[in-house]
Amino acid sequence: MLYPLKFKPIFKEKIWGGSKIKHILKQDFSSLSNCGEAWTISGIEPESSIVSNGFLKENTLNELIEIYMDDLVGEKVFSQFGGEFPLLIKFIDAENDLSVQVHPDDKLAAEKHHCSGKTEMWYVIDAKPDSKLNIGFSLPMNKQLLKKHLADNTIEDVLHFVPVQSGDAVFIPSGRVHAIGKGILLAEIQQSSDITYRLYDYNRKDENGKLRPLHVDDALDAIHYNDADNALISYSKRQNSTNNILSTPYFTTNFMDFNHQIEKNYTDIDSFVIYICLAGKATIICSEQEETIQTGECVLMPAAIKHAVFLPTPQCKLLETYI
């Protein structure tokens, strides 16, 4: 019988990474000097997540899809994606600014890379008082004007920066220029794609003293220039409730902050459900099985599970996401 699945994080060293994944999220990446990303649930080969609990321990997520199919991911999800897991879940720690970048949409990604595009959302877990995100441009933009700002090295003058704090949520559809600013720790929910075009990198050099490669031509083709929605997402934070943050064709994400028992019924979802623990700890009970989730952990609830009870100890904050 399928049960709530936990996975071994995949840690990524980045030039801009820091130590918050260790100190705030309690994840040990001792083999790295500074960790920029922790991939907590991934179906991207060759880094398909490995189960860390229960009788399926040491199996990869992609192996489980091959065996359990719609019992794991849901009938509609399996019919659409087959053996490919459709989401990638990460924690990102930006000790320094990330590059200004853009991701291709499904059409462009299929043409150039034979894969899906990359629409994503961010949930800010921790941020310094002066932390900012870049979301789009501060004025109407087109390809020729952007080329001029790149040539003049004045692109920073036309980027739209938004101050953020813990609890803020941001939608980044494919084609939207964006960058995570220094001092921010966030959870990222995205389509299962690792295609990123760097547009600008502050003339920053890598550990070998070389400028990091850019993908300007690809980025210029991928940008949706008429994209003008630069606002943070407004959502309810009612305690002991399931509060919707965002619903898109790619994923739905909800916020839960609870100090009492919560019961969940998944009968009408027909999808796996992922829980990302932002703070605290909870026990998940389903079909006489128990699993805990605590700060910095993720749990995948297979689609075959139709009911679960969450018991906080004593309080817990979760993101809930599914197709």
C-alpha atoms as a PDB file:
ATOM      1  CA  MET A   1       0.000   0.000   0.000  1.00  0.00           C
ATOM      2  CA  LEU A   2       1.319   3.439  -0.913  1.00  0.00           C
ATOM      3  CA  TYR A   3       2.063   5.854   1.921  1.00  0.00           C
ATOM      4  CA  PRO A   4       3.317   9.451   2.423  1.00  0.00           C
ATOM      5  CA  LEU A   5       6.718   9.561   0.725  1.00  0.00           C
ATOM      6  CA  LYS A   6       9.775  11.511   1.810  1.00  0.00           C
ATOM      7  CA  PHE A   7      12.909  11.992  -0.288  1.00  0.00           C
ATOM      8  CA  LYS A   8      16.601  12.726   0.101  1.00  0.00           C
ATOM      9  CA  PRO A   9      17.340  16.369  -0.783  1.00  0.00           C
ATOM     10  CA  ILE A  10      19.658  17.041  -3.719  1.00  0.00           C
ATOM     11  CA  PHE A  11      21.949  19.922  -2.748  1.00  0.00           C
ATOM     12  CA  LYS A  12      23.411  22.311  -5.315  1.00  0.00           C
ATOM     13  CA  GLU A  13      26.464  24.493  -4.748  1.00  0.00           C
ATOM     14  CA  LYS A  14      26.016  27.943  -6.295  1.00  0.00           C
ATOM     15  CA  ILE A  15      28.257  30.992  -6.525  1.00  0.00           C
ATOM     16  CA  TRP A  16      25.472  33.012  -4.881  1.00  0.00           C
ATOM     17  CA  GLY A  17      24.474  30.409  -2.255  1.00  0.00           C
ATOM     18  CA  GLY A  18      24.683  30.635   1.534  1.00  0.00           C
ATOM     19  CA  SER A  19      23.916  28.715   4.722  1.00  0.00           C
ATOM     20  CA  LYS A  20      20.210  29.314   5.429  1.00  0.00           C
ATOM     21  CA  ILE A  21      19.187  25.895   4.099  1.00  0.00           C
ATOM     22  CA  LYS A  22      21.304  24.482   6.908  1.00  0.00           C
ATOM     23  CA  HIS A  23      20.546  26.980   9.678  1.00  0.00           C
ATOM     24  CA  ILE A  24      16.865  27.763   9.061  1.00  0.00           C
ATOM     25  CA  LEU A  25      15.628  24.646   7.261  1.00  0.00           C
ATOM     26  CA  LYS A  26      17.864  22.234   9.243  1.00  0.00           C
ATOM     27  CA  GLN A  27      19.124  20.425   6.145  1.00  0.00           C
ATOM     28  CA  ASP A  28      22.710  19.157   6.314  1.00  0.00           C
ATOM     29  CA  PHE A  29      24.732  19.876   3.170  1.00  0.00           C
ATOM     30  CA  SER A  30      28.092  19.373   4.883  1.00  0.00           C
ATOM     31  CA  SER A  31      29.829  18.353   1.640  1.00  0.00           C
ATOM     32  CA  LEU A  32      29.284  21.843   0.144  1.00  0.00           C
ATOM     33  CA  SER A  33      30.851  25.149   1.144  1.00  0.00           C
ATOM     34  CA  ASN A  34      27.712  27.131   0.300  1.00  0.00           C
ATOM     35  CA  CYS A  35      24.400  25.746  -0.862  1.00  0.00           C
ATOM     36  CA  GLY A  36      22.194  27.710  -3.223  1.00  0.00           C
ATOM     37  CA  GLU A  37      19.490  25.119  -3.890  1.00  0.00           C
ATOM     38  CA  ALA A  38      18.003  22.011  -2.342  1.00  0.00           C
ATOM     39  CA  TRP A  39      15.904  20.014  -4.799  1.00  0.00           C
ATOM     40  CA  THR A  40      13.461  18.267  -2.500  1.00  0.00           C
ATOM     41  CA  ILE A  41      11.235  16.535  -5.087  1.00  0.00           C
ATOM     42  CA  SER A  42      12.563  16.060  -8.610  1.00  0.00           C
ATOM     43  CA  GLY A  43      11.834  13.813 -11.565  1.00  0.00           C
ATOM     44  CA  ILE A  44      14.530  15.399 -13.740  1.00  0.00           C
ATOM     45  CA  GLU A  45      17.063  12.783 -14.794  1.00  0.00           C
ATOM     46  CA  PRO A  46      19.712  11.958 -13.785  1.00  0.00           C
ATOM     47  CA  GLU A  47      18.591  13.537 -10.512  1.00  0.00           C
ATOM     48  CA  SER A  48      15.311  11.792  -9.829  1.00  0.00           C
ATOM     49  CA  SER A  49      14.602  12.022  -6.088  1.00  0.00           C
ATOM     50  CA  ILE A  50      15.349   8.962  -3.955  1.00  0.00           C
ATOM     51  CA  VAL A  51      12.818   7.815  -1.342  1.00  0.00           C
ATOM     52  CA  SER A  52      14.135   8.062   2.225  1.00  0.00           C
ATOM     53  CA  ASN A  53      11.334   6.345   4.213  1.00  0.00           C
ATOM     54  CA  GLY A  54       9.283   3.155   4.323  1.00  0.00           C
ATOM     55  CA  PHE A  55       9.492  -0.046   2.286  1.00  0.00           C
ATOM     56  CA  LEU A  56      10.108   1.896  -0.949  1.00  0.00           C
ATOM     57  CA  LYS A  57      13.289   3.436   0.477  1.00  0.00           C
ATOM     58  CA  GLU A  58      16.134   3.848  -2.078  1.00  0.00           C
ATOM     59  CA  ASN A  59      13.757   3.703  -5.058  1.00  0.00           C
ATOM     60  CA  THR A  60      13.661   6.782  -7.286  1.00  0.00           C
ATOM     61  CA  LEU A  61      10.545   8.837  -7.935  1.00  0.00           C
ATOM     62  CA  ASN A  62      10.650   7.904 -11.628  1.00  0.00           C
ATOM     63  CA  GLU A  63      10.872   4.203 -10.784  1.00  0.00           C
ATOM     64  CA  LEU A  64       7.771   4.556  -8.618  1.00  0.00           C
ATOM     65  CA  ILE A  65       5.818   6.233 -11.433  1.00  0.00           C
ATOM     66  CA  GLU A  66       6.758   3.354 -13.730  1.00  0.00           C
ATOM     67  CA  ILE A  67       5.446   0.826 -11.195  1.00  0.00           C
ATOM     68  CA  TYR A  68       2.449   2.582  -9.626  1.00  0.00           C
ATOM     69  CA  MET A  69       1.421   4.929 -12.475  1.00  0.00           C
ATOM     70  CA  ASP A  70      -1.901   6.652 -11.716  1.00  0.00           C
ATOM     71  CA  ASP A  71      -2.004   5.277  -8.161  1.00  0.00           C
ATOM     72  CA  LEU A  72       0.968   7.535  -7.488  1.00  0.00           C
ATOM     73  CA  VAL A  73       0.251  10.635  -9.560  1.00  0.00           C
ATOM     74  CA  GLY A  74      -3.472  10.439 -10.393  1.00  0.00           C
ATOM     75  CA  GLU A  75      -5.315   9.308 -13.506  1.00  0.00           C
ATOM     76  CA  LYS A  76      -5.526  12.691 -15.220  1.00  0.00           C
ATOM     77  CA  VAL A  77      -1.893  13.505 -14.402  1.00  0.00           C
ATOM     78  CA  PHE A  78      -0.648  10.151 -15.701  1.00  0.00           C
ATOM     79  CA  SER A  79      -2.678  10.468 -18.890  1.00  0.00           C
ATOM     80  CA  GLN A  80      -1.135  13.889 -19.528  1.00  0.00           C
ATOM     81  CA  PHE A  81       2.474  13.364 -18.436  1.00  0.00           C
ATOM     82  CA  GLY A  82       3.002   9.598 -18.533  1.00  0.00           C
ATOM     83  CA  GLY A  83       6.206   8.634 -16.775  1.00  0.00           C
ATOM     84  CA  GLU A  84       7.399  12.240 -16.328  1.00  0.00           C
ATOM     85  CA  PHE A  85       6.797  13.812 -12.918  1.00  0.00           C
ATOM     86  CA  PRO A  86       5.373  17.262 -13.727  1.00  0.00           C
ATOM     87  CA  LEU A  87       6.704  19.406 -10.854  1.00  0.00           C
ATOM     88  CA  LEU A  88      10.061  20.330  -9.369  1.00  0.00           C
ATOM     89  CA  ILE A  89      10.157  21.510  -5.752  1.00  0.00           C
ATOM     90  CA  LYS A  90      13.141  23.492  -4.438  1.00  0.00           C
ATOM     91  CA  PHE A  91      14.406  25.621  -1.612  1.00  0.00           C
ATOM     92  CA  ILE A  92      16.614  28.509  -2.786  1.00  0.00           C
ATOM     93  CA  ASP A  93      19.020  30.475  -0.572  1.00  0.00           C
ATOM     94  CA  ALA A  94      20.291  33.672  -2.183  1.00  0.00           C
ATOM     95  CA  GLU A  95      23.208  34.942  -0.097  1.00  0.00           C
ATOM     96  CA  ASN A  96      23.921  37.162  -3.112  1.00  0.00           C
ATOM     97  CA  ASP A  97      21.866  38.319  -6.094  1.00  0.00           C
ATOM     98  CA  LEU A  98      20.901  35.731  -8.690  1.00  0.00           C
ATOM     99  CA  SER A  99      21.246  36.564 -12.356  1.00  0.00           C
ATOM    100  CA  VAL A 100      18.446  38.353 -14.195  1.00  0.00           C
ATOM    101  CA  GLN A 101      16.837  35.565 -16.168  1.00  0.00           C
ATOM    102  CA  VAL A 102      13.820  34.260 -18.023  1.00  0.00           C
ATOM    103  CA  HIS A 103      12.379  30.813 -18.763  1.00  0.00           C
ATOM    104  CA  PRO A 104      10.823  29.710 -22.062  1.00  0.00           C
ATOM    105  CA  ASP A 105       7.147  28.869 -22.408  1.00  0.00           C
ATOM    106  CA  ASP A 106       5.958  25.411 -23.442  1.00  0.00           C
ATOM    107  CA  LYS A 107       6.025  26.184 -27.174  1.00  0.00           C
ATOM    108  CA  LEU A 108       9.542  27.605 -27.241  1.00  0.00           C
ATOM    109  CA  ALA A 109      10.924  24.947 -24.868  1.00  0.00           C
ATOM    110  CA  ALA A 110       9.466  22.177 -27.044  1.00  0.00           C
ATOM    111  CA  GLU A 111      11.022  23.694 -30.171  1.00  0.00           C
ATOM    112  CA  LYS A 112      14.478  24.293 -28.692  1.00  0.00           C
ATOM    113  CA  HIS A 113      14.851  21.670 -25.956  1.00  0.00           C
ATOM    114  CA  HIS A 114      12.111  19.036 -26.496  1.00  0.00           C
ATOM    115  CA  CYS A 115      10.787  19.584 -22.976  1.00  0.00           C
ATOM    116  CA  SER A 116       8.179  21.621 -21.107  1.00  0.00           C
ATOM    117  CA  GLY A 117       8.509  25.308 -20.352  1.00  0.00           C
ATOM    118  CA  LYS A 118       9.000  26.685 -16.873  1.00  0.00           C
ATOM    119  CA  THR A 119       6.282  28.523 -15.014  1.00  0.00           C
ATOM    120  CA  GLU A 120       6.970  28.868 -11.302  1.00  0.00           C
ATOM    121  CA  MET A 121       5.971  30.513  -8.050  1.00  0.00           C
ATOM    122  CA  TRP A 122       7.966  31.639  -5.017  1.00  0.00           C
ATOM    123  CA  TYR A 123       7.067  31.679  -1.337  1.00  0.00           C
ATOM    124  CA  VAL A 124       9.432  33.822   0.752  1.00  0.00           C
ATOM    125  CA  ILE A 125      10.446  31.987   3.930  1.00  0.00           C
ATOM    126  CA  ASP A 126      13.017  34.470   5.217  1.00  0.00           C
ATOM    127  CA  ALA A 127      14.319  37.827   4.025  1.00  0.00           C
ATOM    128  CA  LYS A 128      16.590  40.573   5.287  1.00  0.00           C
ATOM    129  CA  PRO A 129      14.925  43.986   5.839  1.00  0.00           C
ATOM    130  CA  ASP A 130      16.277  45.424   2.569  1.00  0.00           C
ATOM    131  CA  SER A 131      15.720  42.327   0.399  1.00  0.00           C
ATOM    132  CA  LYS A 132      14.144  42.725  -3.030  1.00  0.00           C
ATOM    133  CA  LEU A 133      12.949  40.604  -5.924  1.00  0.00           C
ATOM    134  CA  ASN A 134      13.151  41.655  -9.556  1.00  0.00           C
ATOM    135  CA  ILE A 135       9.814  41.012 -11.256  1.00  0.00           C
ATOM    136  CA  GLY A 136       9.606  42.322 -14.809  1.00  0.00           C
ATOM    137  CA  PHE A 137      10.392  45.839 -15.994  1.00  0.00           C
ATOM    138  CA  SER A 138       9.652  49.283 -14.574  1.00  0.00           C
ATOM    139  CA  LEU A 139       8.476  50.665 -17.921  1.00  0.00           C
ATOM    140  CA  PRO A 140       6.973  49.325 -21.172  1.00  0.00           C
ATOM    141  CA  MET A 141       9.574  47.188 -22.892  1.00  0.00           C
ATOM    142  CA  ASN A 142      10.287  45.748 -26.333  1.00  0.00           C
ATOM    143  CA  LYS A 143      13.167  43.786 -27.817  1.00  0.00           C
ATOM    144  CA  GLN A 144      14.945  46.748 -29.435  1.00  0.00           C
ATOM    145  CA  LEU A 145      14.780  48.897 -26.307  1.00  0.00           C
ATOM    146  CA  LEU A 146      16.025  46.044 -24.149  1.00  0.00           C
ATOM    147  CA  LYS A 147      18.923  45.426 -26.541  1.00  0.00           C
ATOM    148  CA  LYS A 148      19.900  49.092 -26.149  1.00  0.00           C
ATOM    149  CA  HIS A 149      19.892  48.881 -22.339  1.00  0.00           C
ATOM    150  CA  LEU A 150      21.988  45.733 -22.496  1.00  0.00           C
ATOM    151  CA  ALA A 151      24.481  47.377 -24.865  1.00  0.00           C
ATOM    152  CA  ASP A 152      24.661  50.480 -22.656  1.00  0.00           C
ATOM    153  CA  ASN A 153      24.948  48.380 -19.487  1.00  0.00           C
ATOM    154  CA  THR A 154      21.907  50.207 -18.067  1.00  0.00           C
ATOM    155  CA  ILE A 155      19.498  47.284 -17.723  1.00  0.00           C
ATOM    156  CA  GLU A 156      19.406  47.641 -13.930  1.00  0.00           C
ATOM    157  CA  ASP A 157      17.804  51.065 -14.440  1.00  0.00           C
ATOM    158  CA  VAL A 158      14.715  49.517 -16.070  1.00  0.00           C
ATOM    159  CA  LEU A 159      14.165  46.464 -13.859  1.00  0.00           C
ATOM    160  CA  HIS A 160      11.173  46.444 -11.526  1.00  0.00           C
ATOM    161  CA  PHE A 161      12.241  45.676  -7.938  1.00  0.00           C
ATOM    162  CA  VAL A 162       9.803  44.712  -5.179  1.00  0.00           C
ATOM    163  CA  PRO A 163      10.668  44.725  -1.444  1.00  0.00           C
ATOM    164  CA  VAL A 164       9.637  41.423   0.143  1.00  0.00           C
ATOM    165  CA  GLN A 165       9.274  39.858   3.562  1.00  0.00           C
ATOM    166  CA  SER A 166       8.500  36.447   4.996  1.00  0.00           C
ATOM    167  CA  GLY A 167       5.122  35.173   3.796  1.00  0.00           C
ATOM    168  CA  ASP A 168       5.124  36.978   0.446  1.00  0.00           C
ATOM    169  CA  ALA A 169       4.218  34.923  -2.626  1.00  0.00           C
ATOM    170  CA  VAL A 170       5.076  35.700  -6.247  1.00  0.00           C
ATOM    171  CA  PHE A 171       3.916  34.192  -9.552  1.00  0.00           C
ATOM    172  CA  ILE A 172       6.557  33.924 -12.291  1.00  0.00           C
ATOM    173  CA  PRO A 173       4.946  32.706 -15.523  1.00  0.00           C
ATOM    174  CA  SER A 174       7.241  31.627 -18.339  1.00  0.00           C
ATOM    175  CA  GLY A 175       8.453  34.635 -20.295  1.00  0.00           C
ATOM    176  CA  ARG A 176       8.609  36.964 -17.278  1.00  0.00           C
ATOM    177  CA  VAL A 177      12.031  38.452 -16.508  1.00  0.00           C
ATOM    178  CA  HIS A 178      12.963  37.953 -12.854  1.00  0.00           C
ATOM    179  CA  ALA A 179      15.733  37.638 -10.292  1.00  0.00           C
ATOM    180  CA  ILE A 180      15.982  36.681  -6.625  1.00  0.00           C
ATOM    181  CA  GLY A 181      17.801  39.331  -4.605  1.00  0.00           C
ATOM    182  CA  LYS A 182      20.362  38.772  -1.878  1.00  0.00           C
ATOM    183  CA  GLY A 183      19.238  37.859   1.618  1.00  0.00           C
ATOM    184  CA  ILE A 184      16.187  35.817   0.550  1.00  0.00           C
ATOM    185  CA  LEU A 185      15.334  32.199   1.362  1.00  0.00           C
ATOM    186  CA  LEU A 186      12.333  30.868  -0.538  1.00  0.00           C
ATOM    187  CA  ALA A 187      10.443  27.783  -1.620  1.00  0.00           C
ATOM    188  CA  GLU A 188       9.974  27.369  -5.363  1.00  0.00           C
ATOM    189  CA  ILE A 189       7.242  25.331  -7.056  1.00  0.00           C
ATOM    190  CA  GLN A 190       7.706  24.978 -10.798  1.00  0.00           C
ATOM    191  CA  GLN A 191       7.113  22.950 -13.898  1.00  0.00           C
ATOM    192  CA  SER A 192       9.606  20.123 -14.210  1.00  0.00           C
ATOM    193  CA  SER A 193      12.184  21.953 -16.304  1.00  0.00           C
ATOM    194  CA  ASP A 194      15.721  23.162 -15.705  1.00  0.00           C
ATOM    195  CA  ILE A 195      15.905  25.538 -18.671  1.00  0.00           C
ATOM    196  CA  THR A 196      17.097  29.025 -17.697  1.00  0.00           C
ATOM    197  CA  TYR A 197      18.294  31.856 -19.937  1.00  0.00           C
ATOM    198  CA  ARG A 198      20.605  34.352 -18.206  1.00  0.00           C
ATOM    199  CA  LEU A 199      19.965  37.841 -19.518  1.00  0.00           C
ATOM    200  CA  TYR A 200      22.301  39.767 -17.207  1.00  0.00           C
ATOM    201  CA  ASP A 201      24.651  38.801 -14.363  1.00  0.00           C
ATOM    202  CA  TYR A 202      25.987  42.107 -12.943  1.00  0.00           C
ATOM    203  CA  ASN A 203      29.295  41.488 -14.799  1.00  0.00           C
ATOM    204  CA  ARG A 204      30.018  38.917 -12.097  1.00  0.00           C
ATOM    205  CA  LYS A 205      32.940  36.503 -12.380  1.00  0.00           C
ATOM    206  CA  ASP A 206      33.046  32.870 -11.293  1.00  0.00           C
ATOM    207  CA  GLU A 207      35.623  31.244  -9.005  1.00  0.00           C
ATOM    208  CA  ASN A 208      38.047  31.072 -11.956  1.00  0.00           C
ATOM    209  CA  GLY A 209      37.800  34.783 -12.661  1.00  0.00           C
ATOM    210  CA  LYS A 210      35.706  34.349 -15.796  1.00  0.00           C
ATOM    211  CA  LEU A 211      32.410  36.014 -16.627  1.00  0.00           C
ATOM    212  CA  ARG A 212      29.564  33.536 -16.347  1.00  0.00           C
ATOM    213  CA  PRO A 213      27.948  32.689 -19.707  1.00  0.00           C
ATOM    214  CA  LEU A 214      24.827  34.568 -20.762  1.00  0.00           C
ATOM    215  CA  HIS A 215      22.044  33.466 -23.108  1.00  0.00           C
ATOM    216  CA  VAL A 216      20.972  36.866 -24.405  1.00  0.00           C
ATOM    217  CA  ASP A 217      19.621  35.838 -27.813  1.00  0.00           C
ATOM    218  CA  ASP A 218      17.562  32.996 -26.316  1.00  0.00           C
ATOM    219  CA  ALA A 219      16.324  35.296 -23.545  1.00  0.00           C
ATOM    220  CA  LEU A 220      15.289  38.031 -25.972  1.00  0.00           C
ATOM    221  CA  ASP A 221      13.214  35.474 -27.885  1.00  0.00           C
ATOM    222  CA  ALA A 222      11.662  34.032 -24.697  1.00  0.00           C
ATOM    223  CA  ILE A 223      10.547  37.258 -23.007  1.00  0.00           C
ATOM    224  CA  HIS A 224       6.848  38.131 -23.074  1.00  0.00           C
ATOM    225  CA  TYR A 225       7.206  41.872 -23.544  1.00  0.00           C
ATOM    226  CA  ASN A 226       3.539  42.652 -22.941  1.00  0.00           C
ATOM    227  CA  ASP A 227       3.720  41.073 -19.475  1.00  0.00           C
ATOM    228  CA  ALA A 228       2.870  43.892 -17.063  1.00  0.00           C
ATOM    229  CA  ASP A 229       1.542  42.131 -13.956  1.00  0.00           C
ATOM    230  CA  ASN A 230       4.321  42.815 -11.447  1.00  0.00           C
ATOM    231  CA  ALA A 231       2.356  42.589  -8.204  1.00  0.00           C
ATOM    232  CA  LEU A 232       2.821  40.190  -5.330  1.00  0.00           C
ATOM    233  CA  ILE A 233       0.010  37.666  -4.830  1.00  0.00           C
ATOM    234  CA  SER A 234      -2.609  38.678  -2.288  1.00  0.00           C
ATOM    235  CA  TYR A 235      -3.970  35.703  -0.336  1.00  0.00           C
ATOM    236  CA  SER A 236      -5.729  34.870   2.931  1.00  0.00           C
ATOM    237  CA  LYS A 237      -3.728  33.562   5.895  1.00  0.00           C
ATOM    238  CA  ARG A 238      -6.620  32.348   8.055  1.00  0.00           C
ATOM    239  CA  GLN A 239      -5.429  29.958  10.713  1.00  0.00           C
ATOM    240  CA  ASN A 240      -6.626  26.342  10.714  1.00  0.00           C
ATOM    241  CA  SER A 241      -7.855  26.709   7.128  1.00  0.00           C
ATOM    242  CA  THR A 242      -6.655  25.850   3.646  1.00  0.00           C
ATOM    243  CA  ASN A 243      -5.977  29.209   1.961  1.00  0.00           C
ATOM    244  CA  ASN A 244      -5.542  29.316  -1.797  1.00  0.00           C
ATOM    245  CA  ILE A 245      -2.500  31.264  -2.995  1.00  0.00           C
ATOM    246  CA  LEU A 246      -2.540  30.448  -6.671  1.00  0.00           C
ATOM    247  CA  SER A 247      -4.327  28.221  -9.186  1.00  0.00           C
ATOM    248  CA  THR A 248      -2.829  27.784 -12.659  1.00  0.00           C
ATOM    249  CA  PRO A 249      -3.027  25.092 -15.361  1.00  0.00           C
ATOM    250  CA  TYR A 250       0.363  23.896 -14.107  1.00  0.00           C
ATOM    251  CA  PHE A 251      -0.256  23.677 -10.354  1.00  0.00           C
ATOM    252  CA  THR A 252      -2.446  24.848  -7.494  1.00  0.00           C
ATOM    253  CA  THR A 253      -0.797  26.021  -4.276  1.00  0.00           C
ATOM    254  CA  ASN A 254      -2.440  26.583  -0.885  1.00  0.00           C
ATOM    255  CA  PHE A 255      -1.186  27.870   2.474  1.00  0.00           C
ATOM    256  CA  MET A 256      -1.933  26.199   5.808  1.00  0.00           C
ATOM    257  CA  ASP A 257      -1.089  27.596   9.261  1.00  0.00           C
ATOM    258  CA  PHE A 258      -2.647  25.403  11.930  1.00  0.00           C
ATOM    259  CA  ASN A 259      -2.480  24.631  15.640  1.00  0.00           C
ATOM    260  CA  HIS A 260      -5.452  22.242  15.684  1.00  0.00           C
ATOM    261  CA  GLN A 261      -6.146  18.976  13.911  1.00  0.00           C
ATOM    262  CA  ILE A 262      -6.953  19.351  10.209  1.00  0.00           C
ATOM    263  CA  GLU A 263      -8.589  16.665   8.074  1.00  0.00           C
ATOM    264  CA  LYS A 264      -8.025  16.531   4.321  1.00  0.00           C
ATOM    265  CA  ASN A 265     -10.191  14.765   1.741  1.00  0.00           C
ATOM    266  CA  TYR A 266      -8.524  14.245  -1.660  1.00  0.00           C
ATOM    267  CA  THR A 267     -11.362  12.427  -3.421  1.00  0.00           C
ATOM    268  CA  ASP A 268     -12.004  15.196  -5.956  1.00  0.00           C
ATOM    269  CA  ILE A 269      -8.376  16.118  -6.682  1.00  0.00           C
ATOM    270  CA  ASP A 270      -7.182  13.137  -8.801  1.00  0.00           C
ATOM    271  CA  SER A 271      -3.559  14.155  -8.297  1.00  0.00           C
ATOM    272  CA  PHE A 272      -0.643  13.564  -5.993  1.00  0.00           C
ATOM    273  CA  VAL A 273      -0.387  16.246  -3.275  1.00  0.00           C
ATOM    274  CA  ILE A 274       2.905  17.701  -2.034  1.00  0.00           C
ATOM    275  CA  TYR A 275       3.362  19.335   1.363  1.00  0.00           C
ATOM    276  CA  ILE A 276       6.281  21.705   1.958  1.00  0.00           C
ATOM    277  CA  CYS A 277       6.945  22.463   5.624  1.00  0.00           C
ATOM    278  CA  LEU A 278       7.796  26.130   6.162  1.00  0.00           C
ATOM    279  CA  ALA A 279       7.852  26.056   9.969  1.00  0.00           C
ATOM    280  CA  GLY A 280       6.983  23.750  12.854  1.00  0.00           C
ATOM    281  CA  LYS A 281       6.116  20.076  12.759  1.00  0.00           C
ATOM    282  CA  ALA A 282       3.078  17.866  12.161  1.00  0.00           C
ATOM    283  CA  THR A 283       2.136  14.204  12.149  1.00  0.00           C
ATOM    284  CA  ILE A 284       0.298  12.932   9.078  1.00  0.00           C
ATOM    285  CA  ILE A 285      -2.045   9.988   9.660  1.00  0.00           C
ATOM    286  CA  CYS A 286      -3.608   8.050   6.784  1.00  0.00           C
ATOM    287  CA  SER A 287      -4.799   4.416   6.493  1.00  0.00           C
ATOM    288  CA  GLU A 288      -3.371   3.633   9.931  1.00  0.00           C
ATOM    289  CA  GLN A 289       0.068   4.865   8.826  1.00  0.00           C
ATOM    290  CA  GLU A 290       1.923   7.821  10.308  1.00  0.00           C
ATOM    291  CA  GLU A 291       4.635  10.110   8.983  1.00  0.00           C
ATOM    292  CA  THR A 292       6.056  13.351  10.364  1.00  0.00           C
ATOM    293  CA  ILE A 293       6.903  16.503   8.469  1.00  0.00           C
ATOM    294  CA  GLN A 294       8.999  19.284   9.948  1.00  0.00           C
ATOM    295  CA  THR A 295      10.708  22.498   8.905  1.00  0.00           C
ATOM    296  CA  GLY A 296      12.577  22.090   5.623  1.00  0.00           C
ATOM    297  CA  GLU A 297      10.971  18.776   4.667  1.00  0.00           C
ATOM    298  CA  CYS A 298       8.567  17.779   1.902  1.00  0.00           C
ATOM    299  CA  VAL A 299       6.092  14.906   1.750  1.00  0.00           C
ATOM    300  CA  LEU A 300       4.446  13.517  -1.374  1.00  0.00           C
ATOM    301  CA  MET A 301       0.967  12.069  -0.815  1.00  0.00           C
ATOM    302  CA  PRO A 302       0.231   9.505  -3.558  1.00  0.00           C
ATOM    303  CA  ALA A 303      -3.063   9.936  -5.416  1.00  0.00           C
ATOM    304  CA  ALA A 304      -4.275   6.594  -4.040  1.00  0.00           C
ATOM    305  CA  ILE A 305      -4.513   8.209  -0.582  1.00  0.00           C
ATOM    306  CA  LYS A 306      -7.949   9.792  -0.309  1.00  0.00           C
ATOM    307  CA  HIS A 307      -8.016  10.956   3.321  1.00  0.00           C
ATOM    308  CA  ALA A 308      -5.469  12.206   5.857  1.00  0.00           C
ATOM    309  CA  VAL A 309      -5.374  13.820   9.285  1.00  0.00           C
ATOM    310  CA  PHE A 310      -2.734  16.419  10.220  1.00  0.00           C
ATOM    311  CA  LEU A 311      -1.796  16.854  13.891  1.00  0.00           C
ATOM    312  CA  PRO A 312       0.475  19.859  14.618  1.00  0.00           C
ATOM    313  CA  THR A 313       3.033  19.668  17.419  1.00  0.00           C
ATOM    314  CA  PRO A 314       2.119  22.304  18.491  1.00  0.00           C
ATOM    315  CA  GLN A 315       1.948  24.486  15.347  1.00  0.00           C
ATOM    316  CA  CYS A 316       2.811  24.003  11.694  1.00  0.00           C
ATOM    317  CA  LYS A 317       2.939  26.023   8.473  1.00  0.00           C
ATOM    318  CA  LEU A 318       2.687  24.169   5.160  1.00  0.00           C
ATOM    319  CA  LEU A 319       2.402  24.826   1.468  1.00  0.00           C
ATOM    320  CA  GLU A 320       0.085  22.352  -0.261  1.00  0.00           C
ATOM    321  CA  THR A 321       0.471  21.883  -4.011  1.00  0.00           C
ATOM    322  CA  TYR A 322      -1.010  19.588  -6.659  1.00  0.00           C
ATOM    323  CA  ILE A 323      -1.975  19.496 -10.324  1.00  0.00           C
END
